[in-house]
């Protein structure tokens, strides 16, 4: 079933298109940074919580069980279930290792606010370094996220579109984290936007490389393992990055309200496409 889908057809092109949109949302973060002098902390808090809610719900309720069904059908109940769990936590290990390799100062998921950089304006060299390294860190981090978005988008729209929206929301603060220090260092909006834009392109690039590598060996078993790994990646991102950042940006209750809203939207979306 999945072998055919992974070759060039309208489903694959649609998945690439959605992944490209998610990656380029870093550019939205750049635009916000240029238009606003201060971070709208309540909005970001609720938005990041919403993104986490979508990703947690779809991972635990939809993606994990689709992966398990695929692997059980191919391997049997016990081996298939064990493989699903192993791949799920394996995805967490992969994204955790990537985060561990990125210094916290350049980690795109360390909370940064636009007004914080104004204090650093007299040090353009340090700000430029911060912006460039943040862009590189986001590019590295977006490779597995791109593959996760792409694989999710290969499924029906009930899974694809809400996941892409959640990833896009999650990428907006990354665009701010890249563009603000570069703009403060150079005074060039164009240069700051280009760095942010290029860092976002790593997401569709990750999807493209993943597709080229996996296409020759794609099967129901490989797809099940990959899908379970994607669920693990998205759950880790939600708990390790999105929810802590949401709490830092705003009030605790706002992040929780956003989280529950994201779960409700994802649940309704899945019900509509039954």
C-alpha atoms as a PDB file:
ATOM      1  CA  UNK A   1       0.000   0.000   0.000  1.00  0.00           C
ATOM      2  CA  UNK A   2       2.696   2.488   1.004  1.00  0.00           C
ATOM      3  CA  UNK A   3       5.200   1.449  -1.692  1.00  0.00           C
ATOM      4  CA  UNK A   4       3.069   2.973  -4.439  1.00  0.00           C
ATOM      5  CA  UNK A   5       2.353   6.125  -2.486  1.00  0.00           C
ATOM      6  CA  UNK A   6       6.029   6.847  -1.936  1.00  0.00           C
ATOM      7  CA  UNK A   7       6.701   7.209  -5.657  1.00  0.00           C
ATOM      8  CA  UNK A   8       6.058  10.394  -7.591  1.00  0.00           C
ATOM      9  CA  UNK A   9       2.319  11.067  -7.594  1.00  0.00           C
ATOM     10  CA  UNK A  10       0.040  13.868  -6.479  1.00  0.00           C
ATOM     11  CA  UNK A  11       0.220  12.694  -2.842  1.00  0.00           C
ATOM     12  CA  UNK A  12       4.007  13.082  -2.716  1.00  0.00           C
ATOM     13  CA  UNK A  13       3.892  16.508  -4.362  1.00  0.00           C
ATOM     14  CA  UNK A  14       1.199  17.595  -1.896  1.00  0.00           C
ATOM     15  CA  UNK A  15       3.354  16.362   1.008  1.00  0.00           C
ATOM     16  CA  UNK A  16       6.357  18.347  -0.290  1.00  0.00           C
ATOM     17  CA  UNK A  17       4.223  21.440  -0.735  1.00  0.00           C
ATOM     18  CA  UNK A  18       2.936  21.271   2.854  1.00  0.00           C
ATOM     19  CA  UNK A  19       6.449  20.652   4.195  1.00  0.00           C
ATOM     20  CA  UNK A  20       7.706  23.677   2.259  1.00  0.00           C
ATOM     21  CA  UNK A  21       4.968  25.843   3.765  1.00  0.00           C
ATOM     22  CA  UNK A  22       5.850  24.671   7.266  1.00  0.00           C
ATOM     23  CA  UNK A  23       9.551  25.397   6.763  1.00  0.00           C
ATOM     24  CA  UNK A  24       9.040  28.830   5.254  1.00  0.00           C
ATOM     25  CA  UNK A  25       7.014  29.968   8.260  1.00  0.00           C
ATOM     26  CA  UNK A  26      10.358  31.043   9.727  1.00  0.00           C
ATOM     27  CA  UNK A  27       9.972  33.956   7.309  1.00  0.00           C
ATOM     28  CA  UNK A  28       6.761  34.920   9.108  1.00  0.00           C
ATOM     29  CA  UNK A  29       8.799  35.165  12.297  1.00  0.00           C
ATOM     30  CA  UNK A  30      11.175  37.549  10.529  1.00  0.00           C
ATOM     31  CA  UNK A  31       8.333  39.773   9.394  1.00  0.00           C
ATOM     32  CA  UNK A  32       6.892  39.875  12.922  1.00  0.00           C
ATOM     33  CA  UNK A  33      10.304  40.833  14.265  1.00  0.00           C
ATOM     34  CA  UNK A  34      10.562  43.754  11.848  1.00  0.00           C
ATOM     35  CA  UNK A  35       7.040  45.023  12.431  1.00  0.00           C
ATOM     36  CA  UNK A  36       6.944  44.714  16.232  1.00  0.00           C
ATOM     37  CA  UNK A  37       9.407  46.157  18.717  1.00  0.00           C
ATOM     38  CA  UNK A  38       8.196  43.938  21.539  1.00  0.00           C
ATOM     39  CA  UNK A  39       7.226  40.292  21.690  1.00  0.00           C
ATOM     40  CA  UNK A  40       3.514  39.611  22.106  1.00  0.00           C
ATOM     41  CA  UNK A  41       4.159  37.109  24.880  1.00  0.00           C
ATOM     42  CA  UNK A  42       0.549  36.089  25.493  1.00  0.00           C
ATOM     43  CA  UNK A  43      -0.054  35.384  21.816  1.00  0.00           C
ATOM     44  CA  UNK A  44       3.123  33.338  21.486  1.00  0.00           C
ATOM     45  CA  UNK A  45       2.386  31.448  24.693  1.00  0.00           C
ATOM     46  CA  UNK A  46      -1.088  30.416  23.544  1.00  0.00           C
ATOM     47  CA  UNK A  47       0.148  29.639  20.015  1.00  0.00           C
ATOM     48  CA  UNK A  48       3.001  27.430  21.175  1.00  0.00           C
ATOM     49  CA  UNK A  49       0.665  25.638  23.577  1.00  0.00           C
ATOM     50  CA  UNK A  50      -1.791  25.137  20.706  1.00  0.00           C
ATOM     51  CA  UNK A  51       0.977  23.717  18.523  1.00  0.00           C
ATOM     52  CA  UNK A  52       2.003  21.309  21.292  1.00  0.00           C
ATOM     53  CA  UNK A  53      -1.604  20.192  21.756  1.00  0.00           C
ATOM     54  CA  UNK A  54      -2.001  19.384  18.070  1.00  0.00           C
ATOM     55  CA  UNK A  55       1.281  17.480  17.913  1.00  0.00           C
ATOM     56  CA  UNK A  56       0.756  15.489  21.123  1.00  0.00           C
ATOM     57  CA  UNK A  57      -2.816  14.496  20.265  1.00  0.00           C
ATOM     58  CA  UNK A  58      -2.121  13.468  16.671  1.00  0.00           C
ATOM     59  CA  UNK A  59       1.025  11.581  17.694  1.00  0.00           C
ATOM     60  CA  UNK A  60      -0.547   9.591  20.521  1.00  0.00           C
ATOM     61  CA  UNK A  61      -4.037   9.077  19.095  1.00  0.00           C
ATOM     62  CA  UNK A  62      -3.445   8.759  15.350  1.00  0.00           C
ATOM     63  CA  UNK A  63       0.154   8.356  14.216  1.00  0.00           C
ATOM     64  CA  UNK A  64       1.304   5.868  16.870  1.00  0.00           C
ATOM     65  CA  UNK A  65      -1.646   3.554  16.280  1.00  0.00           C
ATOM     66  CA  UNK A  66      -1.412   3.758  12.489  1.00  0.00           C
ATOM     67  CA  UNK A  67       2.235   2.727  12.812  1.00  0.00           C
ATOM     68  CA  UNK A  68       1.278  -0.091  15.174  1.00  0.00           C
ATOM     69  CA  UNK A  69      -1.429  -1.374  12.819  1.00  0.00           C
ATOM     70  CA  UNK A  70       1.020  -1.431   9.928  1.00  0.00           C
ATOM     71  CA  UNK A  71       3.724  -3.249  11.885  1.00  0.00           C
ATOM     72  CA  UNK A  72       1.341  -5.765  13.463  1.00  0.00           C
ATOM     73  CA  UNK A  73      -0.035  -6.608  10.015  1.00  0.00           C
ATOM     74  CA  UNK A  74       3.495  -7.289   8.760  1.00  0.00           C
ATOM     75  CA  UNK A  75       5.193  -8.779  11.840  1.00  0.00           C
ATOM     76  CA  UNK A  76       2.478 -10.139  14.136  1.00  0.00           C
ATOM     77  CA  UNK A  77       0.949  -8.757  17.320  1.00  0.00           C
ATOM     78  CA  UNK A  78       3.788  -8.981  19.828  1.00  0.00           C
ATOM     79  CA  UNK A  79       6.769  -8.246  17.475  1.00  0.00           C
ATOM     80  CA  UNK A  80       4.815  -5.459  15.775  1.00  0.00           C
ATOM     81  CA  UNK A  81       3.850  -3.837  19.064  1.00  0.00           C
ATOM     82  CA  UNK A  82       7.416  -4.070  20.381  1.00  0.00           C
ATOM     83  CA  UNK A  83       8.808  -2.582  17.152  1.00  0.00           C
ATOM     84  CA  UNK A  84       6.331   0.305  17.379  1.00  0.00           C
ATOM     85  CA  UNK A  85       7.362   1.162  20.924  1.00  0.00           C
ATOM     86  CA  UNK A  86      11.076   0.871  20.065  1.00  0.00           C
ATOM     87  CA  UNK A  87      10.714   3.153  17.033  1.00  0.00           C
ATOM     88  CA  UNK A  88       8.635   5.643  19.046  1.00  0.00           C
ATOM     89  CA  UNK A  89      11.328   6.067  21.697  1.00  0.00           C
ATOM     90  CA  UNK A  90      14.029   5.853  19.031  1.00  0.00           C
ATOM     91  CA  UNK A  91      12.591   9.003  17.446  1.00  0.00           C
ATOM     92  CA  UNK A  92      12.881  10.720  20.815  1.00  0.00           C
ATOM     93  CA  UNK A  93      16.518   9.633  21.127  1.00  0.00           C
ATOM     94  CA  UNK A  94      17.341  11.070  17.677  1.00  0.00           C
ATOM     95  CA  UNK A  95      15.851  14.508  18.330  1.00  0.00           C
ATOM     96  CA  UNK A  96      17.280  14.596  21.876  1.00  0.00           C
ATOM     97  CA  UNK A  97      20.772  13.869  20.513  1.00  0.00           C
ATOM     98  CA  UNK A  98      20.449  16.720  18.013  1.00  0.00           C
ATOM     99  CA  UNK A  99      19.363  19.111  20.773  1.00  0.00           C
ATOM    100  CA  UNK A 100      22.261  17.969  22.959  1.00  0.00           C
ATOM    101  CA  UNK A 101      24.796  18.826  20.245  1.00  0.00           C
ATOM    102  CA  UNK A 102      23.515  22.407  19.878  1.00  0.00           C
ATOM    103  CA  UNK A 103      24.885  24.917  22.452  1.00  0.00           C
ATOM    104  CA  UNK A 104      22.119  26.495  24.495  1.00  0.00           C
ATOM    105  CA  UNK A 105      23.096  30.013  23.407  1.00  0.00           C
ATOM    106  CA  UNK A 106      22.410  29.081  19.767  1.00  0.00           C
ATOM    107  CA  UNK A 107      19.615  26.612  20.418  1.00  0.00           C
ATOM    108  CA  UNK A 108      16.584  27.917  18.514  1.00  0.00           C
ATOM    109  CA  UNK A 109      14.269  26.639  21.218  1.00  0.00           C
ATOM    110  CA  UNK A 110      15.848  28.625  24.024  1.00  0.00           C
ATOM    111  CA  UNK A 111      13.397  31.441  24.691  1.00  0.00           C
ATOM    112  CA  UNK A 112      14.423  34.721  23.036  1.00  0.00           C
ATOM    113  CA  UNK A 113      12.465  37.953  22.985  1.00  0.00           C
ATOM    114  CA  UNK A 114      12.868  40.841  20.563  1.00  0.00           C
ATOM    115  CA  UNK A 115      13.347  43.406  23.318  1.00  0.00           C
ATOM    116  CA  UNK A 116      16.158  41.340  24.879  1.00  0.00           C
ATOM    117  CA  UNK A 117      18.490  41.998  21.953  1.00  0.00           C
ATOM    118  CA  UNK A 118      18.279  45.753  22.271  1.00  0.00           C
ATOM    119  CA  UNK A 119      20.594  45.569  25.264  1.00  0.00           C
ATOM    120  CA  UNK A 120      23.171  43.839  23.069  1.00  0.00           C
ATOM    121  CA  UNK A 121      23.072  46.322  20.184  1.00  0.00           C
ATOM    122  CA  UNK A 122      26.549  47.790  20.868  1.00  0.00           C
ATOM    123  CA  UNK A 123      28.082  44.335  20.241  1.00  0.00           C
ATOM    124  CA  UNK A 124      27.304  43.653  16.574  1.00  0.00           C
ATOM    125  CA  UNK A 125      29.968  40.938  16.243  1.00  0.00           C
ATOM    126  CA  UNK A 126      28.461  38.839  19.011  1.00  0.00           C
ATOM    127  CA  UNK A 127      24.927  39.414  17.753  1.00  0.00           C
ATOM    128  CA  UNK A 128      25.901  38.413  14.211  1.00  0.00           C
ATOM    129  CA  UNK A 129      27.511  35.229  15.512  1.00  0.00           C
ATOM    130  CA  UNK A 130      24.392  34.469  17.551  1.00  0.00           C
ATOM    131  CA  UNK A 131      22.136  34.927  14.515  1.00  0.00           C
ATOM    132  CA  UNK A 132      24.264  32.849  12.144  1.00  0.00           C
ATOM    133  CA  UNK A 133      24.735  30.000  14.599  1.00  0.00           C
ATOM    134  CA  UNK A 134      21.037  30.062  15.431  1.00  0.00           C
ATOM    135  CA  UNK A 135      20.274  29.777  11.709  1.00  0.00           C
ATOM    136  CA  UNK A 136      22.631  26.787  11.423  1.00  0.00           C
ATOM    137  CA  UNK A 137      21.136  25.197  14.529  1.00  0.00           C
ATOM    138  CA  UNK A 138      17.632  25.577  13.125  1.00  0.00           C
ATOM    139  CA  UNK A 139      18.749  24.103   9.798  1.00  0.00           C
ATOM    140  CA  UNK A 140      20.168  21.031  11.565  1.00  0.00           C
ATOM    141  CA  UNK A 141      17.121  20.712  13.795  1.00  0.00           C
ATOM    142  CA  UNK A 142      14.690  21.074  10.882  1.00  0.00           C
ATOM    143  CA  UNK A 143      16.033  18.058   8.985  1.00  0.00           C
ATOM    144  CA  UNK A 144      14.202  15.454  11.112  1.00  0.00           C
ATOM    145  CA  UNK A 145      11.260  17.821  11.524  1.00  0.00           C
ATOM    146  CA  UNK A 146      11.011  18.074   7.733  1.00  0.00           C
ATOM    147  CA  UNK A 147      10.976  14.315   7.386  1.00  0.00           C
ATOM    148  CA  UNK A 148       8.368  14.081  10.161  1.00  0.00           C
ATOM    149  CA  UNK A 149       6.149  16.657   8.447  1.00  0.00           C
ATOM    150  CA  UNK A 150       6.550  14.971   5.073  1.00  0.00           C
ATOM    151  CA  UNK A 151       5.708  11.500   6.362  1.00  0.00           C
ATOM    152  CA  UNK A 152       2.679  12.864   8.220  1.00  0.00           C
ATOM    153  CA  UNK A 153       1.545  14.667   5.072  1.00  0.00           C
ATOM    154  CA  UNK A 154       1.609  11.400   3.124  1.00  0.00           C
ATOM    155  CA  UNK A 155      -1.450  10.414   5.131  1.00  0.00           C
ATOM    156  CA  UNK A 156      -4.992  11.730   4.627  1.00  0.00           C
ATOM    157  CA  UNK A 157      -5.672  15.476   5.079  1.00  0.00           C
ATOM    158  CA  UNK A 158      -7.130  14.849   8.545  1.00  0.00           C
ATOM    159  CA  UNK A 159      -3.568  14.192   9.735  1.00  0.00           C
ATOM    160  CA  UNK A 160      -1.524  16.287   7.317  1.00  0.00           C
ATOM    161  CA  UNK A 161      -2.929  19.796   7.493  1.00  0.00           C
ATOM    162  CA  UNK A 162      -3.242  20.249  11.298  1.00  0.00           C
ATOM    163  CA  UNK A 163       0.281  18.840  11.780  1.00  0.00           C
ATOM    164  CA  UNK A 164       1.676  21.265   9.212  1.00  0.00           C
ATOM    165  CA  UNK A 165      -0.112  24.171  10.927  1.00  0.00           C
ATOM    166  CA  UNK A 166       1.377  23.093  14.270  1.00  0.00           C
ATOM    167  CA  UNK A 167       4.900  22.831  12.812  1.00  0.00           C
ATOM    168  CA  UNK A 168       4.479  26.228  11.142  1.00  0.00           C
ATOM    169  CA  UNK A 169       3.439  27.869  14.446  1.00  0.00           C
ATOM    170  CA  UNK A 170       6.415  26.198  16.123  1.00  0.00           C
ATOM    171  CA  UNK A 171       8.742  27.638  13.449  1.00  0.00           C
ATOM    172  CA  UNK A 172       7.651  31.278  13.843  1.00  0.00           C
ATOM    173  CA  UNK A 173       9.697  31.951  17.035  1.00  0.00           C
ATOM    174  CA  UNK A 174      12.672  30.345  15.292  1.00  0.00           C
ATOM    175  CA  UNK A 175      12.446  32.993  12.570  1.00  0.00           C
ATOM    176  CA  UNK A 176      12.449  35.690  15.251  1.00  0.00           C
ATOM    177  CA  UNK A 177      15.465  34.073  16.941  1.00  0.00           C
ATOM    178  CA  UNK A 178      17.460  34.235  13.688  1.00  0.00           C
ATOM    179  CA  UNK A 179      16.428  37.578  12.245  1.00  0.00           C
ATOM    180  CA  UNK A 180      16.513  39.844  15.313  1.00  0.00           C
ATOM    181  CA  UNK A 181      20.221  39.478  16.230  1.00  0.00           C
ATOM    182  CA  UNK A 182      21.300  39.651  12.579  1.00  0.00           C
ATOM    183  CA  UNK A 183      19.225  42.776  12.016  1.00  0.00           C
ATOM    184  CA  UNK A 184      20.589  44.376  15.190  1.00  0.00           C
ATOM    185  CA  UNK A 185      24.140  43.564  14.041  1.00  0.00           C
ATOM    186  CA  UNK A 186      23.876  44.633  10.393  1.00  0.00           C
ATOM    187  CA  UNK A 187      20.892  46.999  10.190  1.00  0.00           C
ATOM    188  CA  UNK A 188      19.803  45.065   7.095  1.00  0.00           C
ATOM    189  CA  UNK A 189      16.276  43.683   7.075  1.00  0.00           C
ATOM    190  CA  UNK A 190      16.978  41.936   3.803  1.00  0.00           C
ATOM    191  CA  UNK A 191      19.995  40.090   5.152  1.00  0.00           C
ATOM    192  CA  UNK A 192      18.183  39.096   8.334  1.00  0.00           C
ATOM    193  CA  UNK A 193      15.193  37.819   6.359  1.00  0.00           C
ATOM    194  CA  UNK A 194      17.428  35.816   3.988  1.00  0.00           C
ATOM    195  CA  UNK A 195      19.167  33.990   6.844  1.00  0.00           C
ATOM    196  CA  UNK A 196      15.815  33.189   8.435  1.00  0.00           C
ATOM    197  CA  UNK A 197      14.321  32.115   5.108  1.00  0.00           C
ATOM    198  CA  UNK A 198      17.266  29.844   4.254  1.00  0.00           C
ATOM    199  CA  UNK A 199      17.224  28.172   7.671  1.00  0.00           C
ATOM    200  CA  UNK A 200      13.589  27.262   7.057  1.00  0.00           C
ATOM    201  CA  UNK A 201      14.469  25.614   3.725  1.00  0.00           C
ATOM    202  CA  UNK A 202      16.186  22.839   5.686  1.00  0.00           C
ATOM    203  CA  UNK A 203      12.732  21.449   6.439  1.00  0.00           C
ATOM    204  CA  UNK A 204      11.732  20.618   2.839  1.00  0.00           C
ATOM    205  CA  UNK A 205      15.355  19.635   2.178  1.00  0.00           C
ATOM    206  CA  UNK A 206      15.131  17.083   5.009  1.00  0.00           C
ATOM    207  CA  UNK A 207      11.942  15.740   3.447  1.00  0.00           C
ATOM    208  CA  UNK A 208      13.592  15.529   0.023  1.00  0.00           C
ATOM    209  CA  UNK A 209      16.670  13.702   1.285  1.00  0.00           C
ATOM    210  CA  UNK A 210      14.529  11.358   3.357  1.00  0.00           C
ATOM    211  CA  UNK A 211      12.381  10.574   0.340  1.00  0.00           C
ATOM    212  CA  UNK A 212      15.395   9.897  -1.898  1.00  0.00           C
ATOM    213  CA  UNK A 213      16.977   7.587   0.688  1.00  0.00           C
ATOM    214  CA  UNK A 214      13.834   5.733   1.707  1.00  0.00           C
ATOM    215  CA  UNK A 215      12.010   5.469  -1.615  1.00  0.00           C
ATOM    216  CA  UNK A 216      13.924   2.371  -2.861  1.00  0.00           C
ATOM    217  CA  UNK A 217      13.319   0.440   0.376  1.00  0.00           C
ATOM    218  CA  UNK A 218       9.880   1.730   1.339  1.00  0.00           C
ATOM    219  CA  UNK A 219       7.480  -0.950   2.536  1.00  0.00           C
ATOM    220  CA  UNK A 220       4.700  -1.261   5.093  1.00  0.00           C
ATOM    221  CA  UNK A 221       7.282  -2.285   7.699  1.00  0.00           C
ATOM    222  CA  UNK A 222       9.643   0.617   6.988  1.00  0.00           C
ATOM    223  CA  UNK A 223       6.722   3.024   6.890  1.00  0.00           C
ATOM    224  CA  UNK A 224       5.429   1.743  10.240  1.00  0.00           C
ATOM    225  CA  UNK A 225       8.834   2.159  11.873  1.00  0.00           C
ATOM    226  CA  UNK A 226       9.255   5.624  10.377  1.00  0.00           C
ATOM    227  CA  UNK A 227       5.769   6.706  11.380  1.00  0.00           C
ATOM    228  CA  UNK A 228       6.299   5.551  14.985  1.00  0.00           C
ATOM    229  CA  UNK A 229       9.609   7.453  15.042  1.00  0.00           C
ATOM    230  CA  UNK A 230       7.815  10.563  13.770  1.00  0.00           C
ATOM    231  CA  UNK A 231       5.348  10.293  16.658  1.00  0.00           C
ATOM    232  CA  UNK A 232       8.250  10.129  19.111  1.00  0.00           C
ATOM    233  CA  UNK A 233       9.941  13.163  17.532  1.00  0.00           C
ATOM    234  CA  UNK A 234       6.790  15.275  17.754  1.00  0.00           C
ATOM    235  CA  UNK A 235       6.011  14.272  21.341  1.00  0.00           C
ATOM    236  CA  UNK A 236       9.586  15.111  22.395  1.00  0.00           C
ATOM    237  CA  UNK A 237       9.460  18.493  20.642  1.00  0.00           C
ATOM    238  CA  UNK A 238       6.180  19.261  22.390  1.00  0.00           C
ATOM    239  CA  UNK A 239       7.300  18.399  25.923  1.00  0.00           C
ATOM    240  CA  UNK A 240      10.925  19.521  25.708  1.00  0.00           C
ATOM    241  CA  UNK A 241      10.554  22.677  23.618  1.00  0.00           C
ATOM    242  CA  UNK A 242       7.063  23.956  22.961  1.00  0.00           C
ATOM    243  CA  UNK A 243       5.456  23.714  26.397  1.00  0.00           C
ATOM    244  CA  UNK A 244       8.455  25.089  28.352  1.00  0.00           C
ATOM    245  CA  UNK A 245       8.736  27.956  25.850  1.00  0.00           C
ATOM    246  CA  UNK A 246       4.998  28.611  26.078  1.00  0.00           C
ATOM    247  CA  UNK A 247       5.261  28.921  29.867  1.00  0.00           C
ATOM    248  CA  UNK A 248       8.288  31.219  29.602  1.00  0.00           C
ATOM    249  CA  UNK A 249       6.598  33.521  27.114  1.00  0.00           C
ATOM    250  CA  UNK A 250       3.363  33.957  29.063  1.00  0.00           C
ATOM    251  CA  UNK A 251       1.145  32.858  31.894  1.00  0.00           C
ATOM    252  CA  UNK A 252       0.970  29.196  32.832  1.00  0.00           C
ATOM    253  CA  UNK A 253      -2.773  28.977  32.192  1.00  0.00           C
ATOM    254  CA  UNK A 254      -2.463  30.468  28.709  1.00  0.00           C
ATOM    255  CA  UNK A 255      -0.129  27.687  27.598  1.00  0.00           C
ATOM    256  CA  UNK A 256      -2.510  25.065  29.006  1.00  0.00           C
ATOM    257  CA  UNK A 257      -5.538  26.682  27.362  1.00  0.00           C
ATOM    258  CA  UNK A 258      -3.617  26.685  24.096  1.00  0.00           C
ATOM    259  CA  UNK A 259      -2.644  23.039  24.621  1.00  0.00           C
ATOM    260  CA  UNK A 260      -6.250  21.949  25.199  1.00  0.00           C
ATOM    261  CA  UNK A 261      -7.460  24.050  22.243  1.00  0.00           C
ATOM    262  CA  UNK A 262      -4.922  22.353  19.981  1.00  0.00           C
ATOM    263  CA  UNK A 263      -6.090  18.925  21.124  1.00  0.00           C
ATOM    264  CA  UNK A 264      -9.743  19.864  20.523  1.00  0.00           C
ATOM    265  CA  UNK A 265      -9.008  21.176  17.022  1.00  0.00           C
ATOM    266  CA  UNK A 266      -7.035  18.032  16.172  1.00  0.00           C
ATOM    267  CA  UNK A 267      -9.777  15.759  17.569  1.00  0.00           C
ATOM    268  CA  UNK A 268     -12.512  17.551  15.599  1.00  0.00           C
ATOM    269  CA  UNK A 269     -10.370  17.451  12.456  1.00  0.00           C
ATOM    270  CA  UNK A 270      -9.944  13.683  12.773  1.00  0.00           C
ATOM    271  CA  UNK A 271     -13.675  13.191  13.395  1.00  0.00           C
ATOM    272  CA  UNK A 272     -14.612  15.219  10.305  1.00  0.00           C
ATOM    273  CA  UNK A 273     -12.583  12.920   8.062  1.00  0.00           C
ATOM    274  CA  UNK A 274     -13.867   9.598   9.456  1.00  0.00           C
END
